[in-house]
Amino acid sequence: MKRLRPGLTALRVLVVFAAVLVAAAMTSPLLADPPSRLSELTVHEWGTFTSVAGEDGSAIEWDALGCQDDLPGFVNAGMYRGFKWRLRGTVRMETPVLYFYSPREVEAHVTVAFPQGLVTEWYPQAEYQVYQARRNNGPLRRLEANLNGLDTSLRTVTGAIEWRSIKIQPNTAPVLPLEKRPSRYYAARDVEAAPLAVGDQHEKFLFYRGVGRFPIPLSVRLSPDGQILVENRGHDAVPIVILFENRGGRLGYRHAGLVEGSTQLERPSLDGTFAQLRYDLENALVDQGLFLKEAQAMVETWRDSWFEEGARLIYIMPSRSVDEILPLRVEPLPSRTARVFVGRIELVTPETMAAVKDALAAGDSSTLDRYRRFLEPILQRLGAGDTEKASFAGCR
């Protein structure tokens, strides 16, 4: 394998490659020269991309980071929640976790780039960097630690994170950090992956989150007659698409299956069961390459969010799109890698708008809290008041 030029770190190479990938619409996540031989390492990753559909079906800009933190205090949260201004993207990248499987102890090195996005939280400790172009597709420069001059629209930004000297330690049982406050974070540990250590920090996975502004493969909108119109605007078929709705605790869902072009779905009848939906989703995740316990951990992590009040499209991101959005490098080169990301597109339906409008008129804070995360785009559709102020209200 060729050596990097002095001062050209693996992270810098990945960032430059990511920028080239976006500009040139390349599809391979490989960069520089790969390791000369495969290792016995297996790497699996799952994560989610959350967006909100506008009236034309496209993902709209919203306060994707928000300010309600559901993570343990030991997770690195950067400085973004303390900003005087908000990070406004079109996609919230939530809880990617990287699992490692190996028959023996091995030291690994992982780098992830995020073109048109920022990594905002991570664990264990890592080297975190932000690069920015002076204009779209211009040369990248690294920002100082205080992020002075950051393009908060994220259009010219590439975030990156690097874990060095990760010690993969199979057949060990280190004490993992745990806080009394409940968090969805812990469910991801219920797998058979090898524990790992970075310095003196131990975990069952590498964890990161972020906010981005990039095209998602699907658009979804409501037709005048109440049908759900789904269009694949990407270059690959979307393998699984599910329309889900929950109204007052009654839920229903409808499978669209594989979507290559356009499809039209009727709203589901609200007589479904969570048990059957969970079974279907877990099987779909396994079909895409996850182990069963990983699929179960993913659904358990997000069940209170994916299946909350409202309507949404749940889909599995094409694997090539994942590699374009989040170029990944693992050394030594794994013998097998599976990356399975679930997309969630929130739908602002007439029922949702009516519920929020009535709650506003009645001062019903409990109903508003159910929609708090997406209240800003809902109010935009209603044309009601100061939507930015409403976004900040969720911080209290």
Protein backbone atom coordinates (compact mmCIF):
# COMPACT_ATOMS: atom_id res chain seq x y z
CA MET A 1 0.00 0.00 0.00
CA LYS A 2 1.34 3.42 -0.91
CA ARG A 3 2.27 5.72 1.95
CA LEU A 4 0.47 9.04 2.32
CA ARG A 5 2.40 12.21 1.74
CA PRO A 6 3.57 13.94 4.94
CA GLY A 7 0.72 15.88 6.53
CA LEU A 8 -1.94 14.05 4.49
CA THR A 9 -3.82 12.04 7.09
CA ALA A 10 -6.31 9.30 6.33
CA LEU A 11 -9.07 11.62 7.51
CA ARG A 12 -7.94 14.38 5.14
CA VAL A 13 -7.79 11.88 2.28
CA LEU A 14 -11.32 10.72 3.05
CA VAL A 15 -12.64 14.27 3.17
CA VAL A 16 -11.02 15.20 -0.13
CA PHE A 17 -12.32 11.99 -1.67
CA ALA A 18 -15.82 12.72 -0.38
CA ALA A 19 -15.78 16.15 -1.98
CA VAL A 20 -14.62 14.67 -5.27
CA LEU A 21 -17.30 11.99 -5.00
CA VAL A 22 -20.05 14.56 -4.68
CA ALA A 23 -18.69 16.81 -7.41
CA ALA A 24 -18.10 14.00 -9.88
CA ALA A 25 -21.08 11.81 -8.89
CA MET A 26 -18.77 8.86 -8.31
CA THR A 27 -20.13 5.83 -6.50
CA SER A 28 -17.20 3.87 -5.04
CA PRO A 29 -16.45 4.49 -1.34
CA LEU A 30 -12.84 3.33 -1.76
CA LEU A 31 -10.14 5.93 -1.40
CA ALA A 32 -6.39 6.04 -1.81
CA ASP A 33 -5.02 2.47 -1.96
CA PRO A 34 -6.93 -0.14 0.05
CA PRO A 35 -5.14 -2.48 2.44
CA SER A 36 -3.34 -5.23 0.53
CA ARG A 37 -5.36 -8.14 1.94
CA LEU A 38 -8.69 -8.87 3.55
CA SER A 39 -8.84 -9.33 7.30
CA GLU A 40 -11.07 -11.62 9.36
CA LEU A 41 -13.02 -8.57 10.44
CA THR A 42 -16.77 -8.21 9.77
CA VAL A 43 -18.32 -4.75 10.03
CA HIS A 44 -22.05 -4.04 10.21
CA GLU A 45 -23.66 -0.61 10.47
CA TRP A 46 -27.17 0.67 10.87
CA GLY A 47 -28.55 4.18 11.09
CA THR A 48 -31.46 6.41 10.13
CA PHE A 49 -32.10 9.48 7.97
CA THR A 50 -35.08 11.62 9.04
CA SER A 51 -36.64 14.26 6.80
CA VAL A 52 -39.92 16.14 6.36
CA ALA A 53 -41.86 16.21 3.08
CA GLY A 54 -42.97 19.56 1.70
CA GLU A 55 -46.13 20.14 -0.30
CA ASP A 56 -44.33 19.16 -3.54
CA GLY A 57 -42.98 15.98 -1.96
CA SER A 58 -39.35 17.11 -1.64
CA ALA A 59 -37.46 17.13 1.65
CA ILE A 60 -37.70 20.62 3.16
CA GLU A 61 -35.37 22.62 5.36
CA TRP A 62 -36.16 22.36 9.08
CA ASP A 63 -34.53 22.56 12.49
CA ALA A 64 -33.13 19.05 12.05
CA LEU A 65 -30.78 19.14 15.05
CA GLY A 66 -33.31 20.55 17.49
CA CYS A 67 -32.35 20.98 21.10
CA GLN A 68 -33.95 18.11 22.97
CA ASP A 69 -31.12 15.74 23.81
CA ASP A 70 -31.96 12.04 24.24
CA LEU A 71 -28.36 10.89 24.67
CA PRO A 72 -26.35 10.02 27.80
CA GLY A 73 -24.05 12.69 29.16
CA PHE A 74 -20.89 10.75 28.30
CA VAL A 75 -21.59 11.09 24.55
CA ASN A 76 -19.60 13.90 22.91
CA ALA A 77 -22.04 16.56 21.72
CA GLY A 78 -19.66 19.08 20.15
CA MET A 79 -20.83 22.66 20.57
CA TYR A 80 -23.81 22.81 18.25
CA ARG A 81 -26.61 22.89 20.80
CA GLY A 82 -25.05 25.98 22.33
CA PHE A 83 -24.95 27.96 19.10
CA LYS A 84 -26.68 31.35 18.96
CA TRP A 85 -27.99 30.28 15.56
CA ARG A 86 -29.46 27.00 14.42
CA LEU A 87 -28.14 24.33 12.09
CA ARG A 88 -30.79 24.09 9.42
CA GLY A 89 -30.62 21.06 7.19
CA THR A 90 -32.96 18.77 5.31
CA VAL A 91 -31.91 15.51 6.99
CA ARG A 92 -31.18 14.45 10.54
CA MET A 93 -28.72 11.55 10.52
CA GLU A 94 -29.58 9.59 13.64
CA THR A 95 -27.68 6.96 15.53
CA PRO A 96 -25.45 5.26 13.03
CA VAL A 97 -23.67 2.54 14.97
CA LEU A 98 -20.77 0.44 13.67
CA TYR A 99 -20.41 -3.11 15.02
CA PHE A 100 -17.27 -5.25 14.73
CA TYR A 101 -16.92 -9.03 14.72
CA SER A 102 -13.56 -10.80 14.83
CA PRO A 103 -12.32 -14.21 16.06
CA ARG A 104 -9.35 -12.54 17.74
CA GLU A 105 -8.28 -9.17 19.05
CA VAL A 106 -7.41 -6.68 16.33
CA GLU A 107 -6.64 -2.98 16.13
CA ALA A 108 -8.72 -1.00 13.65
CA HIS A 109 -8.83 2.50 12.20
CA VAL A 110 -12.14 4.00 11.01
CA THR A 111 -12.83 7.23 9.15
CA VAL A 112 -16.22 8.58 8.04
CA ALA A 113 -16.84 11.69 5.92
CA PHE A 114 -20.15 13.53 5.61
CA PRO A 115 -20.33 15.75 2.50
CA GLN A 116 -22.88 18.56 2.94
CA GLY A 117 -23.25 17.62 6.57
CA LEU A 118 -21.78 17.77 10.06
CA VAL A 119 -21.23 15.07 12.64
CA THR A 120 -22.76 16.55 15.78
CA GLU A 121 -22.47 13.75 18.39
CA TRP A 122 -20.17 10.74 18.78
CA TYR A 123 -18.72 8.14 21.15
CA PRO A 124 -16.08 6.94 21.97
CA GLN A 125 -13.56 9.78 21.72
CA ALA A 126 -12.50 10.61 18.16
CA GLU A 127 -10.76 13.20 16.04
CA TYR A 128 -13.44 15.52 14.73
CA GLN A 129 -12.94 17.94 11.85
CA VAL A 130 -14.96 20.30 9.68
CA TYR A 131 -13.94 21.32 6.16
CA GLN A 132 -15.56 24.05 4.10
CA ALA A 133 -15.36 25.31 0.54
CA ARG A 134 -15.45 29.03 -0.23
CA ARG A 135 -18.05 28.25 -2.86
CA ASN A 136 -19.93 25.20 -4.12
CA ASN A 137 -17.47 22.57 -5.42
CA GLY A 138 -14.52 24.83 -4.52
CA PRO A 139 -11.36 23.70 -2.72
CA LEU A 140 -11.79 22.64 0.89
CA ARG A 141 -10.12 24.24 3.88
CA ARG A 142 -10.22 23.03 7.46
CA LEU A 143 -12.06 25.28 9.92
CA GLU A 144 -10.61 26.17 13.30
CA ALA A 145 -11.96 24.46 16.40
CA ASN A 146 -14.27 27.39 17.15
CA LEU A 147 -15.88 26.90 13.71
CA ASN A 148 -15.67 30.59 12.98
CA GLY A 149 -17.26 31.30 9.59
CA LEU A 150 -19.20 28.01 9.45
CA ASP A 151 -21.76 27.83 6.64
CA THR A 152 -24.79 26.92 8.75
CA SER A 153 -26.76 26.06 5.61
CA LEU A 154 -24.30 23.14 5.25
CA ARG A 155 -24.17 23.56 1.46
CA THR A 156 -20.37 23.95 1.33
CA VAL A 157 -19.47 21.89 4.40
CA THR A 158 -17.95 18.43 4.80
CA GLY A 159 -17.83 16.98 8.28
CA ALA A 160 -15.51 14.14 9.17
CA ILE A 161 -14.68 11.91 12.12
CA GLU A 162 -11.83 9.50 12.71
CA TRP A 163 -11.30 6.80 15.33
CA ARG A 164 -7.70 5.68 15.59
CA SER A 165 -6.33 2.68 17.47
CA ILE A 166 -9.67 1.00 18.07
CA LYS A 167 -9.02 -2.20 19.96
CA ILE A 168 -11.57 -4.85 18.98
CA GLN A 169 -11.72 -7.20 21.97
CA PRO A 170 -13.85 -10.35 21.42
CA ASN A 171 -14.65 -12.61 24.37
CA THR A 172 -14.27 -9.79 26.88
CA ALA A 173 -16.83 -8.10 29.12
CA PRO A 174 -15.65 -4.60 30.00
CA VAL A 175 -17.76 -2.30 32.16
CA LEU A 176 -19.69 0.00 29.83
CA PRO A 177 -20.78 3.52 30.82
CA LEU A 178 -24.33 3.73 32.13
CA GLU A 179 -26.38 6.57 33.54
CA LYS A 180 -29.59 6.45 35.58
CA ARG A 181 -31.49 8.61 33.08
CA PRO A 182 -33.22 6.42 30.47
CA SER A 183 -31.94 6.73 26.90
CA ARG A 184 -32.63 4.99 23.59
CA TYR A 185 -28.84 4.82 23.21
CA TYR A 186 -28.46 1.65 25.30
CA ALA A 187 -30.67 -0.63 23.20
CA ALA A 188 -27.95 -0.82 20.52
CA ARG A 189 -25.77 -2.81 22.95
CA ASP A 190 -27.99 -5.88 22.88
CA VAL A 191 -26.01 -7.63 20.14
CA GLU A 192 -23.22 -10.18 19.89
CA ALA A 193 -20.62 -7.79 18.48
CA ALA A 194 -17.18 -7.65 20.06
CA PRO A 195 -16.60 -4.97 22.70
CA LEU A 196 -14.15 -2.28 21.69
CA ALA A 197 -11.91 0.25 23.40
CA VAL A 198 -10.62 3.64 22.30
CA GLY A 199 -8.18 4.81 24.93
CA ASP A 200 -9.90 4.21 28.26
CA GLN A 201 -13.44 4.38 26.81
CA HIS A 202 -15.31 1.11 26.18
CA GLU A 203 -18.43 0.36 24.14
CA LYS A 204 -20.06 -2.29 21.91
CA PHE A 205 -20.03 0.00 18.85
CA LEU A 206 -18.86 3.26 17.34
CA PHE A 207 -21.63 5.83 17.53
CA TYR A 208 -22.21 9.09 15.67
CA ARG A 209 -25.01 11.42 14.61
CA GLY A 210 -25.28 14.47 12.37
CA VAL A 211 -27.25 16.97 10.33
CA GLY A 212 -27.04 17.29 6.56
CA ARG A 213 -28.41 18.83 3.40
CA PHE A 214 -28.42 16.25 0.64
CA PRO A 215 -30.99 14.73 -1.72
CA ILE A 216 -32.87 11.68 -0.49
CA PRO A 217 -34.06 9.13 -3.06
CA LEU A 218 -37.80 9.45 -2.49
CA SER A 219 -40.36 12.23 -2.69
CA VAL A 220 -43.79 11.74 -1.16
CA ARG A 221 -46.91 13.90 -1.21
CA LEU A 222 -50.64 13.73 -0.75
CA SER A 223 -52.88 13.92 -3.81
CA PRO A 224 -56.12 15.94 -3.72
CA ASP A 225 -58.09 12.71 -3.30
CA GLY A 226 -56.03 11.63 -0.28
CA GLN A 227 -53.73 9.13 -1.99
CA ILE A 228 -50.02 9.01 -1.13
CA LEU A 229 -47.85 9.57 -4.22
CA VAL A 230 -44.32 8.20 -3.96
CA GLU A 231 -41.64 8.90 -6.56
CA ASN A 232 -38.13 7.47 -6.68
CA ARG A 233 -35.85 10.30 -7.82
CA GLY A 234 -32.63 8.36 -7.22
CA HIS A 235 -30.57 6.15 -9.49
CA ASP A 236 -31.23 2.85 -7.66
CA ALA A 237 -34.38 1.00 -6.68
CA VAL A 238 -35.49 1.51 -3.09
CA PRO A 239 -35.80 -2.04 -1.74
CA ILE A 240 -38.45 -1.55 0.95
CA VAL A 241 -41.10 1.18 1.35
CA ILE A 242 -43.75 1.18 4.10
CA LEU A 243 -46.46 3.78 4.69
CA PHE A 244 -47.24 4.05 8.42
CA GLU A 245 -49.89 5.98 10.35
CA ASN A 246 -50.78 6.30 14.03
CA ARG A 247 -53.87 8.22 15.13
CA GLY A 248 -54.68 8.24 18.83
CA GLY A 249 -52.88 4.95 19.41
CA ARG A 250 -54.56 3.16 16.52
CA LEU A 251 -52.02 2.23 13.86
CA GLY A 252 -51.91 0.92 10.35
CA TYR A 253 -49.33 0.37 7.65
CA ARG A 254 -49.14 -0.54 4.01
CA HIS A 255 -46.27 -2.17 2.14
CA ALA A 256 -45.23 -0.73 -1.21
CA GLY A 257 -42.42 -3.24 -1.63
CA LEU A 258 -39.60 -2.30 -4.00
CA VAL A 259 -40.00 1.11 -5.65
CA GLU A 260 -38.12 1.82 -8.89
CA GLY A 261 -40.24 4.60 -10.37
CA SER A 262 -43.52 5.97 -9.05
CA THR A 263 -46.28 4.36 -7.05
CA GLN A 264 -49.55 5.37 -5.44
CA LEU A 265 -50.68 4.15 -2.02
CA GLU A 266 -53.99 4.30 -0.24
CA ARG A 267 -53.92 5.44 3.38
CA PRO A 268 -53.81 2.36 5.63
CA SER A 269 -56.75 1.27 7.74
CA LEU A 270 -55.91 1.76 11.42
CA ASP A 271 -56.31 -1.84 12.53
CA GLY A 272 -52.70 -3.05 12.47
CA THR A 273 -50.57 -4.40 15.30
CA PHE A 274 -47.15 -3.30 16.43
CA ALA A 275 -46.03 -6.92 16.83
CA GLN A 276 -46.63 -7.72 13.15
CA LEU A 277 -45.05 -4.46 11.98
CA ARG A 278 -42.00 -5.08 14.13
CA TYR A 279 -41.68 -8.61 12.73
CA ASP A 280 -41.92 -7.33 9.15
CA LEU A 281 -39.34 -4.59 9.71
CA GLU A 282 -36.85 -6.86 11.43
CA ASN A 283 -37.08 -9.38 8.60
CA ALA A 284 -36.57 -6.60 6.04
CA LEU A 285 -33.44 -5.42 7.87
CA VAL A 286 -32.06 -8.96 8.00
CA ASP A 287 -32.72 -9.37 4.27
CA GLN A 288 -30.54 -6.28 3.70
CA GLY A 289 -27.60 -7.78 5.59
CA LEU A 290 -28.00 -7.20 9.32
CA PHE A 291 -27.84 -9.98 11.89
CA LEU A 292 -31.15 -10.66 13.64
CA LYS A 293 -30.04 -9.21 16.98
CA GLU A 294 -28.83 -6.07 15.21
CA ALA A 295 -32.19 -5.68 13.47
CA GLN A 296 -34.00 -6.18 16.77
CA ALA A 297 -31.76 -3.61 18.47
CA MET A 298 -32.43 -1.08 15.71
CA VAL A 299 -36.20 -1.41 15.93
CA GLU A 300 -36.11 -1.31 19.73
CA THR A 301 -33.98 1.85 19.61
CA TRP A 302 -36.43 3.73 17.41
CA ARG A 303 -39.84 2.20 18.07
CA ASP A 304 -41.10 5.13 20.17
CA SER A 305 -40.04 7.54 17.40
CA TRP A 306 -40.83 5.66 14.19
CA PHE A 307 -44.29 4.67 15.45
CA GLU A 308 -45.34 7.83 17.27
CA GLU A 309 -48.44 9.88 16.46
CA GLY A 310 -48.62 10.98 12.83
CA ALA A 311 -47.98 9.61 9.35
CA ARG A 312 -44.68 8.82 7.68
CA LEU A 313 -42.96 6.83 4.98
CA ILE A 314 -40.37 4.34 6.22
CA TYR A 315 -37.92 2.99 3.65
CA ILE A 316 -34.52 1.34 3.33
CA MET A 317 -31.89 3.47 1.67
CA PRO A 318 -30.15 1.88 -1.36
CA SER A 319 -26.68 0.75 -0.31
CA ARG A 320 -24.93 2.79 -3.02
CA SER A 321 -26.64 5.93 -1.73
CA VAL A 322 -25.37 5.23 1.78
CA ASP A 323 -21.80 4.97 0.49
CA GLU A 324 -22.18 8.27 -1.37
CA ILE A 325 -23.69 10.11 1.59
CA LEU A 326 -21.25 8.69 4.17
CA PRO A 327 -17.98 7.51 2.60
CA LEU A 328 -16.44 4.99 5.00
CA ARG A 329 -12.94 3.58 5.34
CA VAL A 330 -12.06 0.73 7.71
CA GLU A 331 -8.57 -0.63 8.19
CA PRO A 332 -7.80 -3.49 8.09
CA LEU A 333 -10.14 -4.06 5.17
CA PRO A 334 -13.10 -6.15 6.41
CA SER A 335 -13.92 -9.42 4.71
CA ARG A 336 -17.59 -8.40 4.91
CA THR A 337 -19.30 -5.04 5.35
CA ALA A 338 -23.06 -4.39 5.60
CA ARG A 339 -24.49 -0.86 5.89
CA VAL A 340 -28.26 -0.69 6.36
CA PHE A 341 -29.91 2.72 6.78
CA VAL A 342 -33.61 3.34 7.27
CA GLY A 343 -35.11 6.54 5.91
CA ARG A 344 -38.06 8.24 7.59
CA ILE A 345 -40.07 10.92 5.76
CA GLU A 346 -42.55 12.73 7.97
CA LEU A 347 -45.86 13.62 6.28
CA VAL A 348 -47.79 16.73 7.26
CA THR A 349 -51.32 15.42 6.70
CA PRO A 350 -54.62 17.30 7.02
CA GLU A 351 -55.25 15.36 10.25
CA THR A 352 -51.93 16.50 11.70
CA MET A 353 -52.55 20.12 10.77
CA ALA A 354 -56.04 20.01 12.26
CA ALA A 355 -54.76 18.51 15.52
CA VAL A 356 -52.07 21.18 15.86
CA LYS A 357 -54.43 24.00 14.90
CA ASP A 358 -56.98 22.90 17.51
CA ALA A 359 -54.27 22.47 20.14
CA LEU A 360 -52.97 25.97 19.49
CA ALA A 361 -56.47 27.43 19.83
CA ALA A 362 -57.11 25.51 23.05
CA GLY A 363 -53.66 26.00 24.56
CA ASP A 364 -53.31 22.20 24.64
CA SER A 365 -49.60 21.77 25.39
CA SER A 366 -49.77 17.97 25.71
CA THR A 367 -50.99 17.61 22.11
CA LEU A 368 -48.39 20.09 20.88
CA ASP A 369 -45.69 18.11 22.68
CA ARG A 370 -46.58 15.04 20.61
CA TYR A 371 -45.65 17.00 17.49
CA ARG A 372 -42.91 19.11 19.08
CA ARG A 373 -40.05 17.84 16.95
CA PHE A 374 -41.84 18.67 13.69
CA LEU A 375 -43.86 21.63 14.95
CA GLU A 376 -41.95 24.18 12.88
CA PRO A 377 -42.73 22.62 9.46
CA ILE A 378 -46.31 21.91 10.55
CA LEU A 379 -46.82 25.58 11.45
CA GLN A 380 -45.26 26.59 8.14
CA ARG A 381 -47.94 24.61 6.36
CA LEU A 382 -50.59 26.22 8.52
CA GLY A 383 -49.12 29.66 7.91
CA ALA A 384 -49.32 30.20 11.65
CA GLY A 385 -47.12 32.78 13.36
CA ASP A 386 -43.40 32.76 14.03
CA THR A 387 -42.27 29.25 13.11
CA GLU A 388 -38.69 29.87 14.21
CA LYS A 389 -39.93 30.93 17.63
CA ALA A 390 -42.01 27.76 17.78
CA SER A 391 -38.91 25.75 16.99
CA PHE A 392 -37.09 27.30 19.93
CA ALA A 393 -40.03 26.54 22.21
CA GLY A 394 -39.03 22.90 22.22
CA CYS A 395 -35.82 23.82 24.07
CA ARG A 396 -37.61 24.73 27.26
